[in-house]
Amino acid sequence: MRDTGVEVSIVIVNWNARDYLRDCLRSIRDNVSIAVETIVIDNASSDGSAAMVSGEFPGVALIANTANRGFAAANNQGIRAARGRYVLLLNPDTVVYKE
């Protein structure tokens, strides 16, 4: 694996959890101090989740599926896109706090 400078790739699969996802992404942005990339796979949400991610979190990689591919398939999409040394699968209802 080439050195991308990314320590951890955070993969979040989302389906209609916009408000939880917003809180999750804010907590990552505000509380994580190591080199991370965040990848959101949106499984065809109807609540505006994908638009929220692209509008409020331009540094987050968004994969917007046109159909709900399911949790496992969406995680695999994120893992394939990941560039980090490690991959963290995170649910959108998670809030990350500082140590």
C-alpha atoms as a PDB file:
ATOM      1  CA  MET A   1       0.000   0.000   0.000  1.00  0.00           C
ATOM      2  CA  ARG A   2       1.346   3.423  -0.878  1.00  0.00           C
ATOM      3  CA  ASP A   3       1.758   6.051   1.795  1.00  0.00           C
ATOM      4  CA  THR A   4      -1.133   8.486   1.379  1.00  0.00           C
ATOM      5  CA  GLY A   5      -0.613  10.257   4.688  1.00  0.00           C
ATOM      6  CA  VAL A   6      -4.029   9.044   5.835  1.00  0.00           C
ATOM      7  CA  GLU A   7      -3.828   7.068   9.054  1.00  0.00           C
ATOM      8  CA  VAL A   8      -7.466   5.994   9.308  1.00  0.00           C
ATOM      9  CA  SER A   9     -10.258   5.831   6.747  1.00  0.00           C
ATOM     10  CA  ILE A  10     -13.633   6.233   8.453  1.00  0.00           C
ATOM     11  CA  VAL A  11     -16.413   4.527   6.490  1.00  0.00           C
ATOM     12  CA  ILE A  12     -19.996   5.452   7.384  1.00  0.00           C
ATOM     13  CA  VAL A  13     -22.973   3.760   5.750  1.00  0.00           C
ATOM     14  CA  ASN A  14     -26.071   5.923   5.901  1.00  0.00           C
ATOM     15  CA  TRP A  15     -29.736   5.411   5.143  1.00  0.00           C
ATOM     16  CA  ASN A  16     -32.180   8.158   6.131  1.00  0.00           C
ATOM     17  CA  ALA A  17     -30.221   9.210   9.226  1.00  0.00           C
ATOM     18  CA  ARG A  18     -29.408  12.790   8.164  1.00  0.00           C
ATOM     19  CA  ASP A  19     -29.511  14.428  11.582  1.00  0.00           C
ATOM     20  CA  TYR A  20     -27.497  11.664  13.261  1.00  0.00           C
ATOM     21  CA  LEU A  21     -25.045  11.736  10.375  1.00  0.00           C
ATOM     22  CA  ARG A  22     -24.592  15.511  10.677  1.00  0.00           C
ATOM     23  CA  ASP A  23     -23.775  15.149  14.384  1.00  0.00           C
ATOM     24  CA  CYS A  24     -21.389  12.287  13.632  1.00  0.00           C
ATOM     25  CA  LEU A  25     -19.529  14.204  10.918  1.00  0.00           C
ATOM     26  CA  ARG A  26     -19.293  17.330  13.081  1.00  0.00           C
ATOM     27  CA  SER A  27     -17.851  15.293  15.927  1.00  0.00           C
ATOM     28  CA  ILE A  28     -15.212  13.760  13.650  1.00  0.00           C
ATOM     29  CA  ARG A  29     -14.310  17.167  12.210  1.00  0.00           C
ATOM     30  CA  ASP A  30     -14.117  18.836  15.616  1.00  0.00           C
ATOM     31  CA  ASN A  31     -12.557  16.102  17.762  1.00  0.00           C
ATOM     32  CA  VAL A  32     -10.261  13.896  15.700  1.00  0.00           C
ATOM     33  CA  SER A  33      -6.673  15.078  15.550  1.00  0.00           C
ATOM     34  CA  ILE A  34      -5.003  12.343  13.503  1.00  0.00           C
ATOM     35  CA  ALA A  35      -4.923  12.208   9.690  1.00  0.00           C
ATOM     36  CA  VAL A  36      -8.250  10.694   8.648  1.00  0.00           C
ATOM     37  CA  GLU A  37     -10.416  10.575   5.591  1.00  0.00           C
ATOM     38  CA  THR A  38     -14.140  10.203   6.004  1.00  0.00           C
ATOM     39  CA  ILE A  39     -16.173   8.315   3.428  1.00  0.00           C
ATOM     40  CA  VAL A  40     -19.977   8.324   3.554  1.00  0.00           C
ATOM     41  CA  ILE A  41     -21.903   5.797   1.519  1.00  0.00           C
ATOM     42  CA  ASP A  42     -25.496   6.943   1.244  1.00  0.00           C
ATOM     43  CA  ASN A  43     -27.882   4.118   0.388  1.00  0.00           C
ATOM     44  CA  ALA A  44     -30.437   6.170  -1.574  1.00  0.00           C
ATOM     45  CA  SER A  45     -31.765   8.117   1.399  1.00  0.00           C
ATOM     46  CA  SER A  46     -34.936  10.124   0.872  1.00  0.00           C
ATOM     47  CA  ASP A  47     -34.237  12.587   3.716  1.00  0.00           C
ATOM     48  CA  GLY A  48     -31.658  14.796   1.994  1.00  0.00           C
ATOM     49  CA  SER A  49     -28.660  13.109   3.610  1.00  0.00           C
ATOM     50  CA  ALA A  50     -26.489  13.169   0.492  1.00  0.00           C
ATOM     51  CA  ALA A  51     -27.209  16.855  -0.176  1.00  0.00           C
ATOM     52  CA  MET A  52     -26.415  17.668   3.455  1.00  0.00           C
ATOM     53  CA  VAL A  53     -23.051  15.893   3.255  1.00  0.00           C
ATOM     54  CA  SER A  54     -22.023  17.585   0.016  1.00  0.00           C
ATOM     55  CA  GLY A  55     -23.289  20.988   1.180  1.00  0.00           C
ATOM     56  CA  GLU A  56     -21.973  21.051   4.747  1.00  0.00           C
ATOM     57  CA  PHE A  57     -18.949  18.732   4.640  1.00  0.00           C
ATOM     58  CA  PRO A  58     -17.024  19.328   1.397  1.00  0.00           C
ATOM     59  CA  GLY A  59     -14.010  17.419   2.733  1.00  0.00           C
ATOM     60  CA  VAL A  60     -16.009  14.218   3.133  1.00  0.00           C
ATOM     61  CA  ALA A  61     -15.983  11.731   0.268  1.00  0.00           C
ATOM     62  CA  LEU A  62     -19.560  10.882  -0.665  1.00  0.00           C
ATOM     63  CA  ILE A  63     -20.687   7.816  -2.552  1.00  0.00           C
ATOM     64  CA  ALA A  64     -24.380   8.350  -3.286  1.00  0.00           C
ATOM     65  CA  ASN A  65     -26.006   5.095  -4.324  1.00  0.00           C
ATOM     66  CA  THR A  66     -29.138   5.305  -6.469  1.00  0.00           C
ATOM     67  CA  ALA A  67     -30.568   2.236  -4.721  1.00  0.00           C
ATOM     68  CA  ASN A  68     -30.219   0.807  -1.232  1.00  0.00           C
ATOM     69  CA  ARG A  69     -27.456  -1.752  -1.740  1.00  0.00           C
ATOM     70  CA  GLY A  70     -27.575  -2.960   1.850  1.00  0.00           C
ATOM     71  CA  PHE A  71     -25.234  -2.506   4.781  1.00  0.00           C
ATOM     72  CA  ALA A  72     -22.550  -5.050   3.859  1.00  0.00           C
ATOM     73  CA  ALA A  73     -22.313  -4.059   0.184  1.00  0.00           C
ATOM     74  CA  ALA A  74     -22.122  -0.367   1.093  1.00  0.00           C
ATOM     75  CA  ASN A  75     -19.361  -1.018   3.638  1.00  0.00           C
ATOM     76  CA  ASN A  76     -17.456  -2.886   0.943  1.00  0.00           C
ATOM     77  CA  GLN A  77     -17.832   0.127  -1.372  1.00  0.00           C
ATOM     78  CA  GLY A  78     -16.300   2.341   1.299  1.00  0.00           C
ATOM     79  CA  ILE A  79     -13.487  -0.081   2.048  1.00  0.00           C
ATOM     80  CA  ARG A  80     -12.583  -0.226  -1.660  1.00  0.00           C
ATOM     81  CA  ALA A  81     -12.439   3.585  -1.773  1.00  0.00           C
ATOM     82  CA  ALA A  82     -10.393   3.861   1.434  1.00  0.00           C
ATOM     83  CA  ARG A  83      -6.797   5.088   1.269  1.00  0.00           C
ATOM     84  CA  GLY A  84      -5.902   4.896   4.951  1.00  0.00           C
ATOM     85  CA  ARG A  85      -3.562   2.548   6.736  1.00  0.00           C
ATOM     86  CA  TYR A  86      -6.524   1.372   8.814  1.00  0.00           C
ATOM     87  CA  VAL A  87     -10.275   1.328   8.161  1.00  0.00           C
ATOM     88  CA  LEU A  88     -12.877   2.138  10.809  1.00  0.00           C
ATOM     89  CA  LEU A  89     -16.491   1.179  10.112  1.00  0.00           C
ATOM     90  CA  LEU A  90     -18.639   3.681  11.995  1.00  0.00           C
ATOM     91  CA  ASN A  91     -22.412   3.952  12.341  1.00  0.00           C
ATOM     92  CA  PRO A  92     -23.963   7.367  11.648  1.00  0.00           C
ATOM     93  CA  ASP A  93     -25.472   7.580  15.135  1.00  0.00           C
ATOM     94  CA  THR A  94     -22.005   7.662  16.713  1.00  0.00           C
ATOM     95  CA  VAL A  95     -20.559  10.814  18.243  1.00  0.00           C
ATOM     96  CA  VAL A  96     -16.787  10.996  18.686  1.00  0.00           C
ATOM     97  CA  TYR A  97     -15.378  12.819  21.708  1.00  0.00           C
ATOM     98  CA  LYS A  98     -11.897  14.099  22.436  1.00  0.00           C
ATOM     99  CA  GLU A  99      -9.765  11.980  24.713  1.00  0.00           C
END
